[in-house]
Each structure stands twice: as C-alpha cells, then as structure tokens.
Amino acid sequence: MGSSEGTPSTAAGSGISTNTCWAPAESAHHFVLVHGIGHGSWCWYRIRTLLESSGHRVSCVDLASAGVDRTDANTLESFGEYNRPLIDLMASLPENEQVMKMLLYSYVLPTND
C-alpha cells in the first residue's frame, strides 16, 4: 500500500517541521490531549495541528472550570468532578476504538469516582 516514507514539511506559519510527527495512515493513532491547571484545550493548538496533519485523530478536552467550560471552580468538590469531562469523553468513544496515546500535564489525577 504505497511508500512508508514521509515527506518533511513545515506547518503553515509555525516554522516547525512536521516530519518528526509523520505517520503513515495505517499506523495512525488517536491522541487525547489534556491541559494542565490554569489552561484549556486551546493550549494544544500547535501540537493538535501537527498531529492531525500527520494523519492522527486528536481529541482535546476542557476540564471542569477550564477553557470554555463554564463550571464555577468554587463549586468543584473533588478531582473526580474536575476530571469529569475527560471521563465523559473516554466513555463516549466507540467500544472498538482505542486511545493509543494520552498526553497529560500538571494536575490531572486518576480518580475512582
């Protein structure tokens, strides 16, 4: 099915070479990108663009009270509530779909809620 070699290119305006993120379609992955405290899913815009242009599926989520989520941070009583949008996203994926990569940083904790 064609060549497995990628052609290096530069994402428009970014000056970042996409050849390090290139993957042939048959080995594309689903990435879930989760922001850290004080940020929102917007912080992944460059990485998301590079991954998508390399043929990967990318999901970004705003945790409770972050980004475009309108939840008042003062009403959150647990990390489970803070992480609820991520848990809901993962639960909404089709049974046969696997998330191959999840990138997290700063203050996202696993919960048993």
PDB file of N, CA and C in Angstrom:
ATOM      1  N   MET A   1       0.824  -1.199   0.000  1.00  0.00           N
ATOM      2  CA  MET A   1       0.000   0.000   0.000  1.00  0.00           C
ATOM      3  C   MET A   1       0.857   1.247   0.000  1.00  0.00           C
ATOM      4  N   GLY A   2       1.587   1.506  -0.996  1.00  0.00           N
ATOM      5  CA  GLY A   2       2.346   2.739  -1.079  1.00  0.00           C
ATOM      6  C   GLY A   2       3.593   2.724  -0.222  1.00  0.00           C
ATOM      7  N   SER A   3       4.252   3.859  -0.239  1.00  0.00           N
ATOM      8  CA  SER A   3       5.506   4.024   0.477  1.00  0.00           C
ATOM      9  C   SER A   3       5.260   4.303   1.947  1.00  0.00           C
ATOM     10  N   SER A   4       6.189   3.863   2.794  1.00  0.00           N
ATOM     11  CA  SER A   4       6.070   4.152   4.223  1.00  0.00           C
ATOM     12  C   SER A   4       6.957   5.320   4.617  1.00  0.00           C
ATOM     13  N   GLU A   5       7.491   6.023   3.644  1.00  0.00           N
ATOM     14  CA  GLU A   5       8.349   7.160   3.946  1.00  0.00           C
ATOM     15  C   GLU A   5       7.550   8.449   3.869  1.00  0.00           C
ATOM     16  N   GLY A   6       7.755   9.321   4.822  1.00  0.00           N
ATOM     17  CA  GLY A   6       7.054  10.599   4.847  1.00  0.00           C
ATOM     18  C   GLY A   6       7.884  11.670   4.186  1.00  0.00           C
ATOM     19  N   THR A   7       7.216  12.726   3.767  1.00  0.00           N
ATOM     20  CA  THR A   7       7.895  13.860   3.188  1.00  0.00           C
ATOM     21  C   THR A   7       7.903  14.972   4.214  1.00  0.00           C
ATOM     22  N   PRO A   8       9.093  15.432   4.630  1.00  0.00           N
ATOM     23  CA  PRO A   8       9.135  16.505   5.619  1.00  0.00           C
ATOM     24  C   PRO A   8       8.451  17.758   5.073  1.00  0.00           C
ATOM     25  N   SER A   9       7.751  18.465   5.918  1.00  0.00           N
ATOM     26  CA  SER A   9       7.129  19.720   5.530  1.00  0.00           C
ATOM     27  C   SER A   9       7.066  20.606   6.763  1.00  0.00           C
ATOM     28  N   THR A  10       6.675  21.839   6.536  1.00  0.00           N
ATOM     29  CA  THR A  10       6.561  22.778   7.652  1.00  0.00           C
ATOM     30  C   THR A  10       5.121  23.203   7.780  1.00  0.00           C
ATOM     31  N   ALA A  11       4.584  23.133   8.989  1.00  0.00           N
ATOM     32  CA  ALA A  11       3.221  23.590   9.231  1.00  0.00           C
ATOM     33  C   ALA A  11       3.158  25.082   8.956  1.00  0.00           C
ATOM     34  N   ALA A  12       2.104  25.503   8.285  1.00  0.00           N
ATOM     35  CA  ALA A  12       1.969  26.894   7.859  1.00  0.00           C
ATOM     36  C   ALA A  12       2.194  27.864   9.007  1.00  0.00           C
ATOM     37  N   GLY A  13       3.187  28.739   8.843  1.00  0.00           N
ATOM     38  CA  GLY A  13       3.428  29.789   9.808  1.00  0.00           C
ATOM     39  C   GLY A  13       4.088  29.357  11.110  1.00  0.00           C
ATOM     40  N   SER A  14       4.269  28.057  11.314  1.00  0.00           N
ATOM     41  CA  SER A  14       4.783  27.633  12.611  1.00  0.00           C
ATOM     42  C   SER A  14       6.297  27.518  12.635  1.00  0.00           C
ATOM     43  N   GLY A  15       6.897  27.268  11.478  1.00  0.00           N
ATOM     44  CA  GLY A  15       8.333  27.055  11.441  1.00  0.00           C
ATOM     45  C   GLY A  15       8.741  25.729  12.050  1.00  0.00           C
ATOM     46  N   ILE A  16       7.768  24.860  12.349  1.00  0.00           N
ATOM     47  CA  ILE A  16       8.053  23.563  12.954  1.00  0.00           C
ATOM     48  C   ILE A  16       7.940  22.492  11.888  1.00  0.00           C
ATOM     49  N   SER A  17       8.978  21.712  11.726  1.00  0.00           N
ATOM     50  CA  SER A  17       8.955  20.633  10.753  1.00  0.00           C
ATOM     51  C   SER A  17       8.017  19.536  11.230  1.00  0.00           C
ATOM     52  N   THR A  18       7.136  19.070  10.331  1.00  0.00           N
ATOM     53  CA  THR A  18       6.194  18.026  10.710  1.00  0.00           C
ATOM     54  C   THR A  18       6.751  16.633  10.479  1.00  0.00           C
ATOM     55  N   ASN A  19       7.973  16.508   9.965  1.00  0.00           N
ATOM     56  CA  ASN A  19       8.484  15.176   9.661  1.00  0.00           C
ATOM     57  C   ASN A  19       8.698  14.329  10.914  1.00  0.00           C
ATOM     58  N   THR A  20       8.859  14.934  12.076  1.00  0.00           N
ATOM     59  CA  THR A  20       9.032  14.151  13.294  1.00  0.00           C
ATOM     60  C   THR A  20       7.717  13.577  13.794  1.00  0.00           C
ATOM     61  N   CYS A  21       6.580  14.101  13.324  1.00  0.00           N
ATOM     62  CA  CYS A  21       5.267  13.614  13.744  1.00  0.00           C
ATOM     63  C   CYS A  21       4.605  12.768  12.665  1.00  0.00           C
ATOM     64  N   TRP A  22       5.237  12.637  11.517  1.00  0.00           N
ATOM     65  CA  TRP A  22       4.615  11.957  10.391  1.00  0.00           C
ATOM     66  C   TRP A  22       4.390  10.489  10.689  1.00  0.00           C
ATOM     67  N   ALA A  23       3.238   9.990  10.289  1.00  0.00           N
ATOM     68  CA  ALA A  23       2.933   8.567  10.433  1.00  0.00           C
ATOM     69  C   ALA A  23       2.071   8.159   9.253  1.00  0.00           C
ATOM     70  N   PRO A  24       2.372   7.027   8.620  1.00  0.00           N
ATOM     71  CA  PRO A  24       1.504   6.565   7.543  1.00  0.00           C
ATOM     72  C   PRO A  24       0.114   6.277   8.088  1.00  0.00           C
ATOM     73  N   ALA A  25      -0.906   6.438   7.240  1.00  0.00           N
ATOM     74  CA  ALA A  25      -2.297   6.307   7.698  1.00  0.00           C
ATOM     75  C   ALA A  25      -2.565   4.984   8.400  1.00  0.00           C
ATOM     76  N   GLU A  26      -1.956   3.897   7.933  1.00  0.00           N
ATOM     77  CA  GLU A  26      -2.236   2.601   8.553  1.00  0.00           C
ATOM     78  C   GLU A  26      -1.691   2.479   9.972  1.00  0.00           C
ATOM     79  N   SER A  27      -0.833   3.395  10.391  1.00  0.00           N
ATOM     80  CA  SER A  27      -0.331   3.342  11.763  1.00  0.00           C
ATOM     81  C   SER A  27      -0.757   4.580  12.564  1.00  0.00           C
ATOM     82  N   ALA A  28      -1.786   5.282  12.079  1.00  0.00           N
ATOM     83  CA  ALA A  28      -2.258   6.475  12.778  1.00  0.00           C
ATOM     84  C   ALA A  28      -2.822   6.094  14.145  1.00  0.00           C
ATOM     85  N   HIS A  29      -2.690   6.998  15.084  1.00  0.00           N
ATOM     86  CA  HIS A  29      -3.143   6.787  16.449  1.00  0.00           C
ATOM     87  C   HIS A  29      -4.199   7.820  16.819  1.00  0.00           C
ATOM     88  N   HIS A  30      -4.917   7.554  17.890  1.00  0.00           N
ATOM     89  CA  HIS A  30      -5.840   8.534  18.461  1.00  0.00           C
ATOM     90  C   HIS A  30      -5.172   9.097  19.699  1.00  0.00           C
ATOM     91  N   PHE A  31      -4.938  10.396  19.692  1.00  0.00           N
ATOM     92  CA  PHE A  31      -4.338  11.087  20.819  1.00  0.00           C
ATOM     93  C   PHE A  31      -5.421  11.851  21.570  1.00  0.00           C
ATOM     94  N   VAL A  32      -5.411  11.776  22.886  1.00  0.00           N
ATOM     95  CA  VAL A  32      -6.266  12.607  23.727  1.00  0.00           C
ATOM     96  C   VAL A  32      -5.327  13.549  24.475  1.00  0.00           C
ATOM     97  N   LEU A  33      -5.530  14.842  24.285  1.00  0.00           N
ATOM     98  CA  LEU A  33      -4.657  15.850  24.879  1.00  0.00           C
ATOM     99  C   LEU A  33      -5.408  16.552  26.003  1.00  0.00           C
ATOM    100  N   VAL A  34      -4.815  16.534  27.191  1.00  0.00           N
ATOM    101  CA  VAL A  34      -5.465  17.095  28.372  1.00  0.00           C
ATOM    102  C   VAL A  34      -4.571  18.188  28.953  1.00  0.00           C
ATOM    103  N   HIS A  35      -5.117  19.368  29.069  1.00  0.00           N
ATOM    104  CA  HIS A  35      -4.369  20.533  29.554  1.00  0.00           C
ATOM    105  C   HIS A  35      -4.068  20.436  31.042  1.00  0.00           C
ATOM    106  N   GLY A  36      -3.176  21.283  31.487  1.00  0.00           N
ATOM    107  CA  GLY A  36      -2.859  21.378  32.909  1.00  0.00           C
ATOM    108  C   GLY A  36      -3.675  22.465  33.575  1.00  0.00           C
ATOM    109  N   ILE A  37      -3.467  22.653  34.864  1.00  0.00           N
ATOM    110  CA  ILE A  37      -4.221  23.640  35.633  1.00  0.00           C
ATOM    111  C   ILE A  37      -3.935  25.043  35.089  1.00  0.00           C
ATOM    112  N   GLY A  38      -4.970  25.840  35.028  1.00  0.00           N
ATOM    113  CA  GLY A  38      -4.821  27.209  34.550  1.00  0.00           C
ATOM    114  C   GLY A  38      -4.829  27.340  33.038  1.00  0.00           C
ATOM    115  N   HIS A  39      -5.059  26.256  32.328  1.00  0.00           N
ATOM    116  CA  HIS A  39      -5.089  26.286  30.870  1.00  0.00           C
ATOM    117  C   HIS A  39      -6.425  25.738  30.380  1.00  0.00           C
ATOM    118  N   GLY A  40      -6.514  25.548  29.093  1.00  0.00           N
ATOM    119  CA  GLY A  40      -7.668  24.917  28.467  1.00  0.00           C
ATOM    120  C   GLY A  40      -7.179  24.134  27.269  1.00  0.00           C
ATOM    121  N   SER A  41      -8.088  23.523  26.556  1.00  0.00           N
ATOM    122  CA  SER A  41      -7.683  22.723  25.402  1.00  0.00           C
ATOM    123  C   SER A  41      -6.991  23.570  24.332  1.00  0.00           C
ATOM    124  N   TRP A  42      -7.208  24.868  24.362  1.00  0.00           N
ATOM    125  CA  TRP A  42      -6.567  25.782  23.423  1.00  0.00           C
ATOM    126  C   TRP A  42      -5.047  25.676  23.451  1.00  0.00           C
ATOM    127  N   CYS A  43      -4.472  25.273  24.576  1.00  0.00           N
ATOM    128  CA  CYS A  43      -3.006  25.258  24.693  1.00  0.00           C
ATOM    129  C   CYS A  43      -2.362  24.205  23.793  1.00  0.00           C
ATOM    130  N   TRP A  44      -3.155  23.292  23.252  1.00  0.00           N
ATOM    131  CA  TRP A  44      -2.627  22.230  22.397  1.00  0.00           C
ATOM    132  C   TRP A  44      -2.728  22.561  20.909  1.00  0.00           C
ATOM    133  N   TYR A  45      -3.109  23.786  20.539  1.00  0.00           N
ATOM    134  CA  TYR A  45      -3.428  24.066  19.147  1.00  0.00           C
ATOM    135  C   TYR A  45      -2.305  23.742  18.172  1.00  0.00           C
ATOM    136  N   ARG A  46      -1.077  24.012  18.504  1.00  0.00           N
ATOM    137  CA  ARG A  46       0.028  23.706  17.571  1.00  0.00           C
ATOM    138  C   ARG A  46       0.261  22.200  17.456  1.00  0.00           C
ATOM    139  N   ILE A  47       0.286  21.535  18.590  1.00  0.00           N
ATOM    140  CA  ILE A  47       0.518  20.086  18.579  1.00  0.00           C
ATOM    141  C   ILE A  47      -0.639  19.383  17.882  1.00  0.00           C
ATOM    142  N   ARG A  48      -1.870  19.825  18.161  1.00  0.00           N
ATOM    143  CA  ARG A  48      -3.031  19.222  17.507  1.00  0.00           C
ATOM    144  C   ARG A  48      -2.919  19.339  15.987  1.00  0.00           C
ATOM    145  N   THR A  49      -2.581  20.529  15.503  1.00  0.00           N
ATOM    146  CA  THR A  49      -2.450  20.746  14.065  1.00  0.00           C
ATOM    147  C   THR A  49      -1.385  19.834  13.460  1.00  0.00           C
ATOM    148  N   LEU A  50      -0.255  19.713  14.123  1.00  0.00           N
ATOM    149  CA  LEU A  50       0.820  18.859  13.611  1.00  0.00           C
ATOM    150  C   LEU A  50       0.400  17.387  13.586  1.00  0.00           C
ATOM    151  N   LEU A  51      -0.234  16.928  14.648  1.00  0.00           N
ATOM    152  CA  LEU A  51      -0.659  15.530  14.704  1.00  0.00           C
ATOM    153  C   LEU A  51      -1.727  15.233  13.651  1.00  0.00           C
ATOM    154  N   GLU A  52      -2.714  16.126  13.530  1.00  0.00           N
ATOM    155  CA  GLU A  52      -3.771  15.913  12.540  1.00  0.00           C
ATOM    156  C   GLU A  52      -3.226  15.950  11.122  1.00  0.00           C
ATOM    157  N   SER A  53      -2.291  16.853  10.846  1.00  0.00           N
ATOM    158  CA  SER A  53      -1.718  16.925   9.502  1.00  0.00           C
ATOM    159  C   SER A  53      -0.846  15.712   9.204  1.00  0.00           C
ATOM    160  N   SER A  54      -0.516  14.965  10.258  1.00  0.00           N
ATOM    161  CA  SER A  54       0.256  13.733  10.087  1.00  0.00           C
ATOM    162  C   SER A  54      -0.642  12.504  10.022  1.00  0.00           C
ATOM    163  N   GLY A  55      -1.953  12.725   9.997  1.00  0.00           N
ATOM    164  CA  GLY A  55      -2.889  11.631   9.822  1.00  0.00           C
ATOM    165  C   GLY A  55      -3.446  11.026  11.093  1.00  0.00           C
ATOM    166  N   HIS A  56      -3.145  11.620  12.235  1.00  0.00           N
ATOM    167  CA  HIS A  56      -3.638  11.093  13.503  1.00  0.00           C
ATOM    168  C   HIS A  56      -4.990  11.711  13.852  1.00  0.00           C
ATOM    169  N   ARG A  57      -5.769  11.015  14.663  1.00  0.00           N
ATOM    170  CA  ARG A  57      -7.004  11.555  15.225  1.00  0.00           C
ATOM    171  C   ARG A  57      -6.640  12.189  16.557  1.00  0.00           C
ATOM    172  N   VAL A  58      -7.171  13.387  16.820  1.00  0.00           N
ATOM    173  CA  VAL A  58      -6.819  14.121  18.037  1.00  0.00           C
ATOM    174  C   VAL A  58      -8.091  14.626  18.708  1.00  0.00           C
ATOM    175  N   SER A  59      -8.199  14.383  20.016  1.00  0.00           N
ATOM    176  CA  SER A  59      -9.287  14.926  20.824  1.00  0.00           C
ATOM    177  C   SER A  59      -8.669  15.771  21.929  1.00  0.00           C
ATOM    178  N   CYS A  60      -9.179  17.000  22.084  1.00  0.00           N
ATOM    179  CA  CYS A  60      -8.754  17.876  23.169  1.00  0.00           C
ATOM    180  C   CYS A  60      -9.982  18.135  24.038  1.00  0.00           C
ATOM    181  N   VAL A  61      -9.779  18.181  25.324  1.00  0.00           N
ATOM    182  CA  VAL A  61     -10.904  18.340  26.239  1.00  0.00           C
ATOM    183  C   VAL A  61     -10.612  19.460  27.227  1.00  0.00           C
ATOM    184  N   ASP A  62     -11.647  20.251  27.534  1.00  0.00           N
ATOM    185  CA  ASP A  62     -11.550  21.240  28.601  1.00  0.00           C
ATOM    186  C   ASP A  62     -12.059  20.588  29.879  1.00  0.00           C
ATOM    187  N   LEU A  63     -11.230  20.530  30.892  1.00  0.00           N
ATOM    188  CA  LEU A  63     -11.660  20.003  32.178  1.00  0.00           C
ATOM    189  C   LEU A  63     -12.608  20.997  32.842  1.00  0.00           C
ATOM    190  N   ALA A  64     -13.320  20.558  33.866  1.00  0.00           N
ATOM    191  CA  ALA A  64     -14.311  21.408  34.534  1.00  0.00           C
ATOM    192  C   ALA A  64     -13.691  22.718  35.001  1.00  0.00           C
ATOM    193  N   SER A  65     -14.337  23.808  34.708  1.00  0.00           N
ATOM    194  CA  SER A  65     -13.958  25.181  35.062  1.00  0.00           C
ATOM    195  C   SER A  65     -12.754  25.698  34.281  1.00  0.00           C
ATOM    196  N   ALA A  66     -12.358  25.022  33.225  1.00  0.00           N
ATOM    197  CA  ALA A  66     -11.203  25.444  32.432  1.00  0.00           C
ATOM    198  C   ALA A  66     -11.620  25.653  30.972  1.00  0.00           C
ATOM    199  N   GLY A  67     -10.843  26.477  30.270  1.00  0.00           N
ATOM    200  CA  GLY A  67     -11.134  26.708  28.865  1.00  0.00           C
ATOM    201  C   GLY A  67     -12.532  27.267  28.678  1.00  0.00           C
ATOM    202  N   VAL A  68     -13.331  26.633  27.813  1.00  0.00           N
ATOM    203  CA  VAL A  68     -14.695  27.106  27.556  1.00  0.00           C
ATOM    204  C   VAL A  68     -15.721  26.503  28.503  1.00  0.00           C
ATOM    205  N   ASP A  69     -15.293  25.596  29.391  1.00  0.00           N
ATOM    206  CA  ASP A  69     -16.222  25.008  30.358  1.00  0.00           C
ATOM    207  C   ASP A  69     -16.637  26.085  31.363  1.00  0.00           C
ATOM    208  N   ARG A  70     -17.942  26.277  31.529  1.00  0.00           N
ATOM    209  CA  ARG A  70     -18.477  27.359  32.353  1.00  0.00           C
ATOM    210  C   ARG A  70     -18.655  27.001  33.823  1.00  0.00           C
ATOM    211  N   THR A  71     -18.221  25.825  34.243  1.00  0.00           N
ATOM    212  CA  THR A  71     -18.371  25.428  35.640  1.00  0.00           C
ATOM    213  C   THR A  71     -17.580  26.370  36.538  1.00  0.00           C
ATOM    214  N   ASP A  72     -18.203  26.798  37.627  1.00  0.00           N
ATOM    215  CA  ASP A  72     -17.529  27.654  38.606  1.00  0.00           C
ATOM    216  C   ASP A  72     -16.554  26.781  39.405  1.00  0.00           C
ATOM    217  N   ALA A  73     -15.282  27.123  39.380  1.00  0.00           N
ATOM    218  CA  ALA A  73     -14.256  26.344  40.080  1.00  0.00           C
ATOM    219  C   ALA A  73     -14.559  26.211  41.576  1.00  0.00           C
ATOM    220  N   ASN A  74     -15.242  27.178  42.140  1.00  0.00           N
ATOM    221  CA  ASN A  74     -15.569  27.140  43.568  1.00  0.00           C
ATOM    222  C   ASN A  74     -16.606  26.076  43.910  1.00  0.00           C
ATOM    223  N   THR A  75     -17.260  25.524  42.904  1.00  0.00           N
ATOM    224  CA  THR A  75     -18.275  24.506  43.161  1.00  0.00           C
ATOM    225  C   THR A  75     -17.724  23.084  43.051  1.00  0.00           C
ATOM    226  N   LEU A  76     -16.488  22.950  42.603  1.00  0.00           N
ATOM    227  CA  LEU A  76     -15.886  21.620  42.449  1.00  0.00           C
ATOM    228  C   LEU A  76     -15.442  21.092  43.809  1.00  0.00           C
ATOM    229  N   GLU A  77     -15.863  19.891  44.137  1.00  0.00           N
ATOM    230  CA  GLU A  77     -15.548  19.326  45.448  1.00  0.00           C
ATOM    231  C   GLU A  77     -14.557  18.173  45.393  1.00  0.00           C
ATOM    232  N   SER A  78     -14.169  17.732  44.183  1.00  0.00           N
ATOM    233  CA  SER A  78     -13.230  16.614  44.076  1.00  0.00           C
ATOM    234  C   SER A  78     -12.516  16.647  42.726  1.00  0.00           C
ATOM    235  N   PHE A  79     -11.431  15.902  42.652  1.00  0.00           N
ATOM    236  CA  PHE A  79     -10.745  15.765  41.364  1.00  0.00           C
ATOM    237  C   PHE A  79     -11.632  15.008  40.383  1.00  0.00           C
ATOM    238  N   GLY A  80     -12.492  14.146  40.894  1.00  0.00           N
ATOM    239  CA  GLY A  80     -13.438  13.438  40.025  1.00  0.00           C
ATOM    240  C   GLY A  80     -14.339  14.404  39.278  1.00  0.00           C
ATOM    241  N   GLU A  81     -14.804  15.435  39.968  1.00  0.00           N
ATOM    242  CA  GLU A  81     -15.623  16.455  39.316  1.00  0.00           C
ATOM    243  C   GLU A  81     -14.797  17.258  38.314  1.00  0.00           C
ATOM    244  N   TYR A  82     -13.579  17.586  38.686  1.00  0.00           N
ATOM    245  CA  TYR A  82     -12.679  18.336  37.794  1.00  0.00           C
ATOM    246  C   TYR A  82     -12.391  17.543  36.526  1.00  0.00           C
ATOM    247  N   ASN A  83     -12.181  16.252  36.664  1.00  0.00           N
ATOM    248  CA  ASN A  83     -11.842  15.380  35.531  1.00  0.00           C
ATOM    249  C   ASN A  83     -13.054  14.851  34.777  1.00  0.00           C
ATOM    250  N   ARG A  84     -14.275  15.140  35.242  1.00  0.00           N
ATOM    251  CA  ARG A  84     -15.487  14.582  34.640  1.00  0.00           C
ATOM    252  C   ARG A  84     -15.548  14.737  33.117  1.00  0.00           C
ATOM    253  N   PRO A  85     -15.206  15.889  32.522  1.00  0.00           N
ATOM    254  CA  PRO A  85     -15.253  15.990  31.064  1.00  0.00           C
ATOM    255  C   PRO A  85     -14.340  14.974  30.356  1.00  0.00           C
ATOM    256  N   LEU A  86     -13.188  14.676  30.942  1.00  0.00           N
ATOM    257  CA  LEU A  86     -12.295  13.668  30.373  1.00  0.00           C
ATOM    258  C   LEU A  86     -12.913  12.279  30.490  1.00  0.00           C
ATOM    259  N   ILE A  87     -13.458  11.969  31.650  1.00  0.00           N
ATOM    260  CA  ILE A  87     -14.099  10.670  31.857  1.00  0.00           C
ATOM    261  C   ILE A  87     -15.262  10.500  30.886  1.00  0.00           C
ATOM    262  N   ASP A  88     -16.058  11.558  30.702  1.00  0.00           N
ATOM    263  CA  ASP A  88     -17.187  11.503  29.768  1.00  0.00           C
ATOM    264  C   ASP A  88     -16.712  11.303  28.330  1.00  0.00           C
ATOM    265  N   LEU A  89     -15.643  11.986  27.944  1.00  0.00           N
ATOM    266  CA  LEU A  89     -15.092  11.802  26.597  1.00  0.00           C
ATOM    267  C   LEU A  89     -14.670  10.352  26.382  1.00  0.00           C
ATOM    268  N   MET A  90     -13.933   9.816  27.335  1.00  0.00           N
ATOM    269  CA  MET A  90     -13.448   8.437  27.193  1.00  0.00           C
ATOM    270  C   MET A  90     -14.618   7.451  27.134  1.00  0.00           C
ATOM    271  N   ALA A  91     -15.660   7.697  27.929  1.00  0.00           N
ATOM    272  CA  ALA A  91     -16.822   6.814  27.941  1.00  0.00           C
ATOM    273  C   ALA A  91     -17.626   6.914  26.655  1.00  0.00           C
ATOM    274  N   SER A  92     -17.527   8.038  25.945  1.00  0.00           N
ATOM    275  CA  SER A  92     -18.302   8.226  24.722  1.00  0.00           C
ATOM    276  C   SER A  92     -17.663   7.582  23.491  1.00  0.00           C
ATOM    277  N   LEU A  93     -16.436   7.129  23.617  1.00  0.00           N
ATOM    278  CA  LEU A  93     -15.761   6.514  22.469  1.00  0.00           C
ATOM    279  C   LEU A  93     -16.398   5.170  22.143  1.00  0.00           C
ATOM    280  N   PRO A  94     -16.469   4.821  20.872  1.00  0.00           N
ATOM    281  CA  PRO A  94     -17.000   3.510  20.497  1.00  0.00           C
ATOM    282  C   PRO A  94     -16.201   2.395  21.166  1.00  0.00           C
ATOM    283  N   GLU A  95     -16.863   1.273  21.452  1.00  0.00           N
ATOM    284  CA  GLU A  95     -16.215   0.154  22.147  1.00  0.00           C
ATOM    285  C   GLU A  95     -14.968  -0.341  21.428  1.00  0.00           C
ATOM    286  N   ASN A  96     -14.993  -0.327  20.103  1.00  0.00           N
ATOM    287  CA  ASN A  96     -13.866  -0.872  19.338  1.00  0.00           C
ATOM    288  C   ASN A  96     -12.740   0.141  19.132  1.00  0.00           C
ATOM    289  N   GLU A  97     -12.909   1.358  19.632  1.00  0.00           N
ATOM    290  CA  GLU A  97     -11.877   2.374  19.452  1.00  0.00           C
ATOM    291  C   GLU A  97     -10.968   2.428  20.667  1.00  0.00           C
ATOM    292  N   GLN A  98      -9.685   2.409  20.406  1.00  0.00           N
ATOM    293  CA  GLN A  98      -8.707   2.510  21.481  1.00  0.00           C
ATOM    294  C   GLN A  98      -7.981   3.835  21.371  1.00  0.00           C
ATOM    295  N   VAL A  99      -7.763   4.457  22.500  1.00  0.00           N
ATOM    296  CA  VAL A  99      -6.913   5.640  22.535  1.00  0.00           C
ATOM    297  C   VAL A  99      -5.501   5.124  22.725  1.00  0.00           C
ATOM    298  N   MET A 100      -4.674   5.389  21.759  1.00  0.00           N
ATOM    299  CA  MET A 100      -3.321   4.855  21.801  1.00  0.00           C
ATOM    300  C   MET A 100      -2.377   5.740  22.610  1.00  0.00           C
ATOM    301  N   LYS A 101      -2.649   7.013  22.647  1.00  0.00           N
ATOM    302  CA  LYS A 101      -1.753   7.949  23.333  1.00  0.00           C
ATOM    303  C   LYS A 101      -2.592   8.963  24.093  1.00  0.00           C
ATOM    304  N   MET A 102      -2.222   9.227  25.327  1.00  0.00           N
ATOM    305  CA  MET A 102      -2.871  10.288  26.085  1.00  0.00           C
ATOM    306  C   MET A 102      -1.776  11.170  26.656  1.00  0.00           C
ATOM    307  N   LEU A 103      -1.837  12.442  26.336  1.00  0.00           N
ATOM    308  CA  LEU A 103      -0.850  13.390  26.830  1.00  0.00           C
ATOM    309  C   LEU A 103      -1.494  14.244  27.902  1.00  0.00           C
ATOM    310  N   LEU A 104      -0.925  14.202  29.090  1.00  0.00           N
ATOM    311  CA  LEU A 104      -1.435  14.942  30.236  1.00  0.00           C
ATOM    312  C   LEU A 104      -0.303  15.771  30.815  1.00  0.00           C
ATOM    313  N   TYR A 105      -0.635  16.873  31.415  1.00  0.00           N
ATOM    314  CA  TYR A 105       0.371  17.564  32.208  1.00  0.00           C
ATOM    315  C   TYR A 105      -0.292  18.341  33.322  1.00  0.00           C
ATOM    316  N   SER A 106       0.366  18.380  34.469  1.00  0.00           N
ATOM    317  CA  SER A 106       0.014  19.232  35.587  1.00  0.00           C
ATOM    318  C   SER A 106      -1.402  19.069  36.103  1.00  0.00           C
ATOM    319  N   TYR A 107      -1.555  18.413  37.222  1.00  0.00           N
ATOM    320  CA  TYR A 107      -2.793  18.440  37.992  1.00  0.00           C
ATOM    321  C   TYR A 107      -3.933  17.623  37.427  1.00  0.00           C
ATOM    322  N   VAL A 108      -3.685  16.646  36.614  1.00  0.00           N
ATOM    323  CA  VAL A 108      -4.740  15.751  36.180  1.00  0.00           C
ATOM    324  C   VAL A 108      -4.455  14.421  36.877  1.00  0.00           C
ATOM    325  N   LEU A 109      -5.358  14.015  37.755  1.00  0.00           N
ATOM    326  CA  LEU A 109      -5.134  12.832  38.569  1.00  0.00           C
ATOM    327  C   LEU A 109      -6.163  11.755  38.273  1.00  0.00           C
ATOM    328  N   PRO A 110      -5.751  10.497  38.283  1.00  0.00           N
ATOM    329  CA  PRO A 110      -6.735   9.428  38.144  1.00  0.00           C
ATOM    330  C   PRO A 110      -7.641   9.418  39.373  1.00  0.00           C
ATOM    331  N   THR A 111      -8.890   9.059  39.166  1.00  0.00           N
ATOM    332  CA  THR A 111      -9.833   9.038  40.280  1.00  0.00           C
ATOM    333  C   THR A 111     -10.607   7.738  40.283  1.00  0.00           C
ATOM    334  N   ASN A 112     -11.234   7.453  41.375  1.00  0.00           N
ATOM    335  CA  ASN A 112     -12.101   6.295  41.487  1.00  0.00           C
ATOM    336  C   ASN A 112     -13.560   6.703  41.567  1.00  0.00           C
ATOM    337  N   ASP A 113     -13.858   7.986  41.264  1.00  0.00           N
ATOM    338  CA  ASP A 113     -15.246   8.471  41.333  1.00  0.00           C
ATOM    339  C   ASP A 113     -16.099   7.816  40.267  1.00  0.00           C
TER     340      ASP A 113
END
